Amino acid sequence: MRPMAFSAPPTPKGARQAQEILDAALRCLGRDGFSATSLSRVADEAGVSKRMVLYYFDSREALFDQLAESIGERLITALDDAIDGLEDPAEAVTAGFSEMWTAITADRALLVALFGVTTEAVTDARLDRTVSNFKDRFRDLLRKQLDLARANGRRITVDDDIAVTAVLAGFLGLALEWLERGDTPELEKTIGAFQAMLTSLAPPA
C-alpha cells in the first residue's frame, strides 16, 4: 500500500486524525454522493475544521485519491487473505467471493464510495491512476490463482484475460444489483450461478 499522502509530517496522533478524516469522507461519500461531498462537509462530519483537513490532505482531489487507495487496499487484502494457500479452484472461488461480498455488503457506504470514485476516475486522471492500480492488483491476484490451478492439474477453458475480465465485471455487476435492490431471491440464485460458472472455468485436466 502507498504511504498515506500527508501534507504535514506524520505522527501517531496525526495518523489517527487523518484516518478519522478519511472515515468521515467515506461516510459523506456513501451518504451524499461524490459531487455533494465537499471538504467543509467532510470537516463537519469529522468534527474538525476545514483547515485541519487541508493540513493533512492538500486538496479535495488528494483526499479522494487517498480514500480510493484505502478502499482498494481493504478489498484486495480481504481477497488475498481469503484465497491464500487454497489450491482447489472451487474452494478459492467460494472463499474469495464470500470474503469480498461480506466486505462490501457489510458497509453500504463503502460500496457507494467504491462506485463513486470509480465513476469519477473516468474523467479524473489522478483518481484513474489509483483505481487502475487497484484493478490491476485484483487482476494479478486472479491470474496467480489461474496459474496455481494449472500447477495443480487444472485446465483453464478460456483465455486468462477473458476469465479475469469476466470475474471483475461480474462481481461489480452483482454488487451494483445489490446496491440498487438489496438481497433478493433472484440475486442469490445469480450469485450461485456465477460462482458455479467461475468454477467451471478450471475443470480437471
Foldseek 3Di string as FASTA:
>chain_A
DDPQQFPADDDVVNVVLLVLLLVLLLVCCLVPNDVPRALCSSCVSSVHHSVSNCRTAVHPVSSLLSSLLVLLVVLLVQLCVQQPPPLQQLSSLVRNLVSNVCVCVVDSSSLSSNVRLVVVLVPPVSSVVSNVVSLVSQLVVQVVNVVSLVVVQWDQPDDSVVLSVCVVVVSNVLSVVCSVPNDDPVSVVVSVVSSVVSSVRIHGD
